[in-house]
Structure formats: C-alpha cells, structure tokens
Amino acid sequence: MSAGKFLAGFIVGGALGAIAGVLLAPQEGSKTREMLSDMSKDVAEKTDKTVREIQDKAEDIVSDLQDKGEEIMGKIQDLINKQKVED
C-alpha cells in the first residue's frame, strides 16, 4: 500500500471517528452542529495540505525522471557519435 493511500485512509478514518463521537455525545444540537462545522473545516484543511504535499513529491519525482532521461539521452547520443566517428 502506498503512503498516500494509507495517509488518506488514516485521515478519513479519524474524521469519521470524530464525527461519530460528536454525534453520540450528549449536548445541544447547536453545539453539535458547531463542532461538526469546525471539524469539517479542519478535515478540509488537512486534506488540502496532504494533497499539496503529494503533488510536491510527484513534481519532484517527475523532475528527477526528466533529468535522468536527459542524462541517458546524452549518453546515447555520445555513443552514436562515437560509432559514427569509428565508421
């Protein structure tokens, strides 16, 4: 399992557990709605942060792959040029 999927599942599971706890707690409806609103904002912020982190990591990986691809292409071109000179 990838770290991103695990982290997403962890966040969703925690949010669902917190919501269940709030809904089952004995308190006024207005307080419960306020708590749910606050919790949903927190979950949205954490999800946004996690998505940004995953995007940053993906961009780094793509950049590294592009650099390696360019390096390999350069080596192949050098080998082709050497072969042309030898012929």
N, C-alpha and C. Protein backbone atom coordinates (compact mmCIF):
# COMPACT_ATOMS: atom_id res chain seq x y z
N MET A 1 0.85 -1.17 0.00
CA MET A 1 0.00 0.00 0.00
C MET A 1 0.89 1.23 0.00
N SER A 2 0.52 2.22 -0.80
CA SER A 2 1.33 3.43 -0.86
C SER A 2 1.09 4.30 0.37
N ALA A 3 2.07 5.14 0.65
CA ALA A 3 1.97 6.02 1.81
C ALA A 3 0.81 7.00 1.65
N GLY A 4 0.57 7.44 0.43
CA GLY A 4 -0.53 8.39 0.18
C GLY A 4 -1.88 7.79 0.49
N LYS A 5 -2.08 6.52 0.07
CA LYS A 5 -3.36 5.86 0.33
C LYS A 5 -3.53 5.62 1.83
N PHE A 6 -2.44 5.22 2.48
CA PHE A 6 -2.51 4.99 3.92
C PHE A 6 -2.87 6.28 4.65
N LEU A 7 -2.20 7.36 4.28
CA LEU A 7 -2.43 8.65 4.93
C LEU A 7 -3.87 9.12 4.69
N ALA A 8 -4.36 8.96 3.47
CA ALA A 8 -5.73 9.36 3.16
C ALA A 8 -6.72 8.53 3.99
N GLY A 9 -6.48 7.22 4.08
CA GLY A 9 -7.36 6.36 4.87
C GLY A 9 -7.31 6.72 6.34
N PHE A 10 -6.13 7.06 6.83
CA PHE A 10 -5.96 7.44 8.23
C PHE A 10 -6.75 8.71 8.53
N ILE A 11 -6.66 9.68 7.64
CA ILE A 11 -7.37 10.96 7.84
C ILE A 11 -8.87 10.74 7.80
N VAL A 12 -9.33 10.00 6.79
CA VAL A 12 -10.77 9.76 6.67
C VAL A 12 -11.28 8.98 7.88
N GLY A 13 -10.54 7.95 8.30
CA GLY A 13 -10.96 7.16 9.46
C GLY A 13 -11.02 8.00 10.72
N GLY A 14 -10.03 8.85 10.90
CA GLY A 14 -10.03 9.73 12.07
C GLY A 14 -11.20 10.70 12.04
N ALA A 15 -11.49 11.22 10.86
CA ALA A 15 -12.61 12.16 10.74
C ALA A 15 -13.93 11.46 11.04
N LEU A 16 -14.11 10.27 10.50
CA LEU A 16 -15.35 9.54 10.75
C LEU A 16 -15.50 9.19 12.23
N GLY A 17 -14.42 8.80 12.87
CA GLY A 17 -14.47 8.50 14.30
C GLY A 17 -14.82 9.72 15.11
N ALA A 18 -14.25 10.86 14.75
CA ALA A 18 -14.54 12.09 15.48
C ALA A 18 -15.99 12.51 15.29
N ILE A 19 -16.49 12.37 14.07
CA ILE A 19 -17.88 12.73 13.80
C ILE A 19 -18.82 11.82 14.59
N ALA A 20 -18.53 10.53 14.61
CA ALA A 20 -19.38 9.60 15.37
C ALA A 20 -19.36 9.97 16.85
N GLY A 21 -18.20 10.33 17.37
CA GLY A 21 -18.11 10.72 18.78
C GLY A 21 -18.93 11.96 19.07
N VAL A 22 -18.90 12.92 18.18
CA VAL A 22 -19.66 14.15 18.37
C VAL A 22 -21.16 13.87 18.31
N LEU A 23 -21.56 13.06 17.34
CA LEU A 23 -22.99 12.77 17.19
C LEU A 23 -23.55 11.98 18.36
N LEU A 24 -22.74 11.17 18.99
CA LEU A 24 -23.20 10.35 20.10
C LEU A 24 -23.05 11.03 21.47
N ALA A 25 -22.38 12.16 21.49
CA ALA A 25 -22.17 12.87 22.76
C ALA A 25 -23.46 13.60 23.17
N PRO A 26 -23.77 13.60 24.46
CA PRO A 26 -24.99 14.28 24.93
C PRO A 26 -24.76 15.79 25.07
N GLN A 27 -25.25 16.55 24.07
CA GLN A 27 -25.15 18.00 24.14
C GLN A 27 -26.22 18.61 23.24
N GLU A 28 -26.33 19.93 23.28
CA GLU A 28 -27.33 20.62 22.48
C GLU A 28 -27.04 20.48 21.00
N GLY A 29 -28.09 20.52 20.20
CA GLY A 29 -27.95 20.41 18.75
C GLY A 29 -27.10 21.51 18.14
N SER A 30 -27.25 22.73 18.65
CA SER A 30 -26.48 23.85 18.10
C SER A 30 -24.98 23.65 18.35
N LYS A 31 -24.65 23.13 19.52
CA LYS A 31 -23.23 22.87 19.82
C LYS A 31 -22.70 21.74 18.94
N THR A 32 -23.52 20.74 18.73
CA THR A 32 -23.11 19.63 17.88
C THR A 32 -22.88 20.11 16.45
N ARG A 33 -23.77 20.93 15.93
CA ARG A 33 -23.61 21.46 14.57
C ARG A 33 -22.35 22.32 14.47
N GLU A 34 -22.09 23.11 15.50
CA GLU A 34 -20.90 23.96 15.50
C GLU A 34 -19.63 23.10 15.51
N MET A 35 -19.64 22.06 16.32
CA MET A 35 -18.48 21.17 16.38
C MET A 35 -18.27 20.46 15.05
N LEU A 36 -19.37 20.00 14.44
CA LEU A 36 -19.25 19.35 13.13
C LEU A 36 -18.72 20.31 12.07
N SER A 37 -19.15 21.54 12.13
CA SER A 37 -18.67 22.55 11.19
C SER A 37 -17.16 22.78 11.37
N ASP A 38 -16.74 22.92 12.61
CA ASP A 38 -15.32 23.12 12.90
C ASP A 38 -14.49 21.91 12.45
N MET A 39 -15.02 20.72 12.73
CA MET A 39 -14.30 19.51 12.37
C MET A 39 -14.19 19.37 10.85
N SER A 40 -15.25 19.72 10.14
CA SER A 40 -15.21 19.60 8.68
C SER A 40 -14.20 20.58 8.09
N LYS A 41 -14.10 21.76 8.68
CA LYS A 41 -13.09 22.73 8.22
C LYS A 41 -11.69 22.19 8.47
N ASP A 42 -11.47 21.59 9.63
CA ASP A 42 -10.16 21.02 9.95
C ASP A 42 -9.80 19.90 8.98
N VAL A 43 -10.76 19.03 8.70
CA VAL A 43 -10.52 17.93 7.77
C VAL A 43 -10.21 18.48 6.38
N ALA A 44 -10.94 19.48 5.95
CA ALA A 44 -10.71 20.07 4.63
C ALA A 44 -9.30 20.67 4.55
N GLU A 45 -8.88 21.35 5.60
CA GLU A 45 -7.54 21.94 5.63
C GLU A 45 -6.46 20.87 5.61
N LYS A 46 -6.64 19.82 6.40
CA LYS A 46 -5.66 18.74 6.44
C LYS A 46 -5.60 18.01 5.10
N THR A 47 -6.75 17.80 4.49
CA THR A 47 -6.80 17.14 3.19
C THR A 47 -6.10 17.98 2.14
N ASP A 48 -6.35 19.27 2.16
CA ASP A 48 -5.71 20.18 1.21
C ASP A 48 -4.19 20.15 1.39
N LYS A 49 -3.74 20.17 2.63
CA LYS A 49 -2.31 20.13 2.92
C LYS A 49 -1.70 18.82 2.42
N THR A 50 -2.39 17.72 2.66
CA THR A 50 -1.89 16.41 2.23
C THR A 50 -1.81 16.34 0.71
N VAL A 51 -2.82 16.85 0.03
CA VAL A 51 -2.83 16.85 -1.43
C VAL A 51 -1.66 17.68 -1.96
N ARG A 52 -1.43 18.83 -1.36
CA ARG A 52 -0.31 19.68 -1.79
C ARG A 52 1.03 18.97 -1.59
N GLU A 53 1.18 18.28 -0.47
CA GLU A 53 2.42 17.54 -0.21
C GLU A 53 2.62 16.43 -1.23
N ILE A 54 1.55 15.72 -1.55
CA ILE A 54 1.65 14.64 -2.54
C ILE A 54 1.98 15.22 -3.92
N GLN A 55 1.38 16.35 -4.26
CA GLN A 55 1.67 16.99 -5.54
C GLN A 55 3.14 17.43 -5.60
N ASP A 56 3.64 17.99 -4.52
CA ASP A 56 5.04 18.42 -4.48
C ASP A 56 5.98 17.23 -4.67
N LYS A 57 5.68 16.12 -4.00
CA LYS A 57 6.51 14.93 -4.14
C LYS A 57 6.44 14.39 -5.56
N ALA A 58 5.25 14.40 -6.15
CA ALA A 58 5.10 13.92 -7.52
C ALA A 58 5.88 14.81 -8.49
N GLU A 59 5.84 16.11 -8.28
CA GLU A 59 6.60 17.03 -9.13
C GLU A 59 8.10 16.77 -9.01
N ASP A 60 8.58 16.51 -7.79
CA ASP A 60 9.99 16.20 -7.59
C ASP A 60 10.38 14.92 -8.32
N ILE A 61 9.52 13.92 -8.25
CA ILE A 61 9.81 12.64 -8.91
C ILE A 61 9.84 12.83 -10.43
N VAL A 62 8.88 13.57 -10.96
CA VAL A 62 8.84 13.82 -12.40
C VAL A 62 10.09 14.58 -12.84
N SER A 63 10.48 15.56 -12.07
CA SER A 63 11.67 16.34 -12.40
C SER A 63 12.92 15.45 -12.39
N ASP A 64 13.04 14.59 -11.39
CA ASP A 64 14.17 13.66 -11.32
C ASP A 64 14.18 12.73 -12.52
N LEU A 65 13.01 12.22 -12.89
CA LEU A 65 12.92 11.33 -14.05
C LEU A 65 13.30 12.05 -15.34
N GLN A 66 12.88 13.30 -15.47
CA GLN A 66 13.25 14.07 -16.66
C GLN A 66 14.76 14.28 -16.72
N ASP A 67 15.37 14.60 -15.59
CA ASP A 67 16.82 14.78 -15.55
C ASP A 67 17.54 13.50 -15.93
N LYS A 68 17.10 12.38 -15.38
CA LYS A 68 17.72 11.10 -15.69
C LYS A 68 17.53 10.75 -17.17
N GLY A 69 16.34 11.04 -17.70
CA GLY A 69 16.07 10.78 -19.11
C GLY A 69 16.99 11.59 -20.00
N GLU A 70 17.19 12.86 -19.67
CA GLU A 70 18.09 13.71 -20.44
C GLU A 70 19.53 13.20 -20.35
N GLU A 71 19.92 12.75 -19.18
CA GLU A 71 21.26 12.21 -19.00
C GLU A 71 21.45 10.96 -19.86
N ILE A 72 20.48 10.09 -19.85
CA ILE A 72 20.55 8.86 -20.65
C ILE A 72 20.58 9.20 -22.14
N MET A 73 19.75 10.14 -22.56
CA MET A 73 19.74 10.55 -23.96
C MET A 73 21.08 11.13 -24.37
N GLY A 74 21.71 11.88 -23.49
CA GLY A 74 23.04 12.43 -23.77
C GLY A 74 24.07 11.33 -23.95
N LYS A 75 24.03 10.32 -23.09
CA LYS A 75 24.96 9.20 -23.20
C LYS A 75 24.73 8.41 -24.48
N ILE A 76 23.46 8.21 -24.84
CA ILE A 76 23.15 7.50 -26.08
C ILE A 76 23.66 8.30 -27.28
N GLN A 77 23.45 9.61 -27.25
CA GLN A 77 23.93 10.45 -28.35
C GLN A 77 25.45 10.40 -28.45
N ASP A 78 26.15 10.39 -27.32
CA ASP A 78 27.61 10.27 -27.32
C ASP A 78 28.03 8.95 -27.95
N LEU A 79 27.36 7.87 -27.60
CA LEU A 79 27.69 6.56 -28.17
C LEU A 79 27.44 6.54 -29.68
N ILE A 80 26.35 7.17 -30.11
CA ILE A 80 26.06 7.24 -31.55
C ILE A 80 27.13 8.03 -32.28
N ASN A 81 27.52 9.14 -31.70
CA ASN A 81 28.56 9.98 -32.30
C ASN A 81 29.89 9.23 -32.37
N LYS A 82 30.26 8.50 -31.33
CA LYS A 82 31.49 7.72 -31.34
C LYS A 82 31.44 6.65 -32.41
N GLN A 83 30.28 6.00 -32.56
CA GLN A 83 30.13 4.96 -33.56
C GLN A 83 30.28 5.54 -34.97
N LYS A 84 29.75 6.75 -35.19
CA LYS A 84 29.86 7.40 -36.50
C LYS A 84 31.32 7.72 -36.81
N VAL A 85 32.06 8.18 -35.82
CA VAL A 85 33.47 8.53 -36.00
C VAL A 85 34.29 7.29 -36.33
N GLU A 86 33.99 6.17 -35.69
CA GLU A 86 34.73 4.93 -35.91
C GLU A 86 34.46 4.35 -37.29
N ASP A 87 33.28 4.61 -37.84
CA ASP A 87 32.94 4.04 -39.15
C ASP A 87 33.58 4.87 -40.20
